[in-house]
């Protein structure tokens, strides 16, 4: 699983029937540092399974885990948003999900 920030929506009118009606999101992978969440500059497209929105920090899965998410078995995807973070605590420190730092 990866943490990511939703950067925006992707619209594609020409796509496979199994992708019809599915929301596509552009997300940027995040890393956790002692000073908080940090962008990595690595972006990917995910199928949204939970109704995430721009700016939210989400949990994504890739590969066979993406296809095992409910209703994703027939969807040709390698990445799915499976959760929206409400809180994150690491090493006893609560992370601010509303602030994501740029890569150093």
C-alpha atoms as a PDB file:
ATOM      1  CA  UNK A   1       0.000   0.000   0.000  1.00  0.00           C
ATOM      2  CA  UNK A   2       1.042   3.547  -0.681  1.00  0.00           C
ATOM      3  CA  UNK A   3      -0.008   6.896   0.742  1.00  0.00           C
ATOM      4  CA  UNK A   4      -0.867   9.495  -1.879  1.00  0.00           C
ATOM      5  CA  UNK A   5      -2.450  12.916  -2.290  1.00  0.00           C
ATOM      6  CA  UNK A   6      -5.225  13.332  -4.846  1.00  0.00           C
ATOM      7  CA  UNK A   7      -4.087  15.965  -7.345  1.00  0.00           C
ATOM      8  CA  UNK A   8      -7.141  15.922  -9.618  1.00  0.00           C
ATOM      9  CA  UNK A   9      -9.552  14.028 -11.855  1.00  0.00           C
ATOM     10  CA  UNK A  10      -8.883  12.482 -15.235  1.00  0.00           C
ATOM     11  CA  UNK A  11     -11.581  12.441 -17.910  1.00  0.00           C
ATOM     12  CA  UNK A  12     -11.454   9.872 -20.677  1.00  0.00           C
ATOM     13  CA  UNK A  13     -14.418   9.491 -23.023  1.00  0.00           C
ATOM     14  CA  UNK A  14     -12.770   6.762 -25.117  1.00  0.00           C
ATOM     15  CA  UNK A  15     -12.045   3.789 -22.852  1.00  0.00           C
ATOM     16  CA  UNK A  16     -12.817   0.115 -22.334  1.00  0.00           C
ATOM     17  CA  UNK A  17     -16.376  -0.736 -21.319  1.00  0.00           C
ATOM     18  CA  UNK A  18     -15.150  -2.105 -17.971  1.00  0.00           C
ATOM     19  CA  UNK A  19     -13.858   1.386 -17.101  1.00  0.00           C
ATOM     20  CA  UNK A  20     -17.159   3.102 -17.966  1.00  0.00           C
ATOM     21  CA  UNK A  21     -18.632   4.909 -14.983  1.00  0.00           C
ATOM     22  CA  UNK A  22     -15.442   4.651 -12.944  1.00  0.00           C
ATOM     23  CA  UNK A  23     -13.777   7.786 -11.630  1.00  0.00           C
ATOM     24  CA  UNK A  24     -10.079   8.131 -12.486  1.00  0.00           C
ATOM     25  CA  UNK A  25      -7.792  10.160 -10.221  1.00  0.00           C
ATOM     26  CA  UNK A  26      -4.322  11.589 -10.633  1.00  0.00           C
ATOM     27  CA  UNK A  27      -2.466  11.023  -7.355  1.00  0.00           C
ATOM     28  CA  UNK A  28       1.033  11.845  -6.132  1.00  0.00           C
ATOM     29  CA  UNK A  29       2.800   9.291  -3.948  1.00  0.00           C
ATOM     30  CA  UNK A  30       3.769  10.600  -0.491  1.00  0.00           C
ATOM     31  CA  UNK A  31       6.432   9.597   1.984  1.00  0.00           C
ATOM     32  CA  UNK A  32       6.345  10.005   5.764  1.00  0.00           C
ATOM     33  CA  UNK A  33       9.185  12.010   7.306  1.00  0.00           C
ATOM     34  CA  UNK A  34       9.667  13.171  10.924  1.00  0.00           C
ATOM     35  CA  UNK A  35       8.690  16.690   9.827  1.00  0.00           C
ATOM     36  CA  UNK A  36       5.488  15.452   8.150  1.00  0.00           C
ATOM     37  CA  UNK A  37       4.158  14.144   4.850  1.00  0.00           C
ATOM     38  CA  UNK A  38       6.334  14.883   1.837  1.00  0.00           C
ATOM     39  CA  UNK A  39       5.624  14.761  -1.889  1.00  0.00           C
ATOM     40  CA  UNK A  40       7.819  12.470  -3.984  1.00  0.00           C
ATOM     41  CA  UNK A  41       7.108  13.886  -7.436  1.00  0.00           C
ATOM     42  CA  UNK A  42       5.944  10.412  -8.527  1.00  0.00           C
ATOM     43  CA  UNK A  43       2.416  10.514  -9.930  1.00  0.00           C
ATOM     44  CA  UNK A  44       0.065   7.798 -11.139  1.00  0.00           C
ATOM     45  CA  UNK A  45      -3.499   7.249 -12.273  1.00  0.00           C
ATOM     46  CA  UNK A  46      -5.802   5.284  -9.961  1.00  0.00           C
ATOM     47  CA  UNK A  47      -9.358   4.032 -10.214  1.00  0.00           C
ATOM     48  CA  UNK A  48     -11.321   5.557  -7.314  1.00  0.00           C
ATOM     49  CA  UNK A  49     -13.210   2.961  -5.262  1.00  0.00           C
ATOM     50  CA  UNK A  50     -14.109   5.202  -2.299  1.00  0.00           C
ATOM     51  CA  UNK A  51     -15.183   8.641  -3.572  1.00  0.00           C
ATOM     52  CA  UNK A  52     -11.963  10.557  -2.833  1.00  0.00           C
ATOM     53  CA  UNK A  53     -11.551  14.207  -3.761  1.00  0.00           C
ATOM     54  CA  UNK A  54      -8.795  16.614  -4.694  1.00  0.00           C
ATOM     55  CA  UNK A  55      -6.418  17.386  -1.829  1.00  0.00           C
ATOM     56  CA  UNK A  56      -7.300  14.326   0.248  1.00  0.00           C
ATOM     57  CA  UNK A  57      -4.631  11.933   1.479  1.00  0.00           C
ATOM     58  CA  UNK A  58      -5.554   8.414   0.401  1.00  0.00           C
ATOM     59  CA  UNK A  59      -4.421   4.794   0.584  1.00  0.00           C
ATOM     60  CA  UNK A  60      -3.705   3.155  -2.758  1.00  0.00           C
ATOM     61  CA  UNK A  61      -2.986  -0.437  -3.692  1.00  0.00           C
ATOM     62  CA  UNK A  62      -1.321  -1.752  -6.816  1.00  0.00           C
ATOM     63  CA  UNK A  63      -0.994  -4.979  -8.782  1.00  0.00           C
ATOM     64  CA  UNK A  64      -3.031  -8.010  -7.804  1.00  0.00           C
ATOM     65  CA  UNK A  65      -4.255  -6.184  -4.676  1.00  0.00           C
ATOM     66  CA  UNK A  66      -5.877  -3.558  -6.913  1.00  0.00           C
ATOM     67  CA  UNK A  67      -7.791  -6.211  -8.846  1.00  0.00           C
ATOM     68  CA  UNK A  68      -8.942  -7.961  -5.662  1.00  0.00           C
ATOM     69  CA  UNK A  69     -10.720  -4.826  -4.379  1.00  0.00           C
ATOM     70  CA  UNK A  70     -14.520  -5.210  -4.520  1.00  0.00           C
ATOM     71  CA  UNK A  71     -15.922  -4.850  -8.048  1.00  0.00           C
ATOM     72  CA  UNK A  72     -12.433  -4.454  -9.565  1.00  0.00           C
ATOM     73  CA  UNK A  73     -11.865  -8.048 -10.738  1.00  0.00           C
ATOM     74  CA  UNK A  74     -12.780  -7.284 -14.353  1.00  0.00           C
ATOM     75  CA  UNK A  75     -11.339  -3.750 -14.431  1.00  0.00           C
ATOM     76  CA  UNK A  76      -7.981  -3.455 -16.220  1.00  0.00           C
ATOM     77  CA  UNK A  77      -6.189  -1.489 -13.518  1.00  0.00           C
ATOM     78  CA  UNK A  78      -2.914  -1.625 -11.677  1.00  0.00           C
ATOM     79  CA  UNK A  79      -3.790   1.022  -9.063  1.00  0.00           C
ATOM     80  CA  UNK A  80      -6.914   1.656  -6.958  1.00  0.00           C
ATOM     81  CA  UNK A  81      -7.711   4.181  -4.213  1.00  0.00           C
ATOM     82  CA  UNK A  82      -9.099   2.017  -1.393  1.00  0.00           C
ATOM     83  CA  UNK A  83      -9.208   4.430   1.560  1.00  0.00           C
ATOM     84  CA  UNK A  84      -9.282   8.062   2.645  1.00  0.00           C
ATOM     85  CA  UNK A  85      -7.071   8.879   5.638  1.00  0.00           C
ATOM     86  CA  UNK A  86      -8.697  10.445   8.688  1.00  0.00           C
ATOM     87  CA  UNK A  87      -5.582  10.390  10.884  1.00  0.00           C
ATOM     88  CA  UNK A  88      -1.981   9.215  10.797  1.00  0.00           C
ATOM     89  CA  UNK A  89       0.242   8.628  13.823  1.00  0.00           C
ATOM     90  CA  UNK A  90       3.845   7.480  13.537  1.00  0.00           C
ATOM     91  CA  UNK A  91       6.433   7.133  16.300  1.00  0.00           C
ATOM     92  CA  UNK A  92       3.886   8.612  18.721  1.00  0.00           C
ATOM     93  CA  UNK A  93       3.550  11.765  16.612  1.00  0.00           C
ATOM     94  CA  UNK A  94       0.283  12.764  14.977  1.00  0.00           C
ATOM     95  CA  UNK A  95       0.787  13.920  11.364  1.00  0.00           C
ATOM     96  CA  UNK A  96      -1.020  16.959   9.936  1.00  0.00           C
ATOM     97  CA  UNK A  97      -2.845  15.619   6.874  1.00  0.00           C
ATOM     98  CA  UNK A  98      -3.755  19.110   5.697  1.00  0.00           C
ATOM     99  CA  UNK A  99      -0.103  20.022   5.051  1.00  0.00           C
ATOM    100  CA  UNK A 100       2.038  18.132   2.561  1.00  0.00           C
ATOM    101  CA  UNK A 101       5.607  19.380   2.101  1.00  0.00           C
ATOM    102  CA  UNK A 102       7.393  19.579  -1.244  1.00  0.00           C
ATOM    103  CA  UNK A 103      10.309  17.238  -1.853  1.00  0.00           C
ATOM    104  CA  UNK A 104      13.646  18.560  -0.652  1.00  0.00           C
END
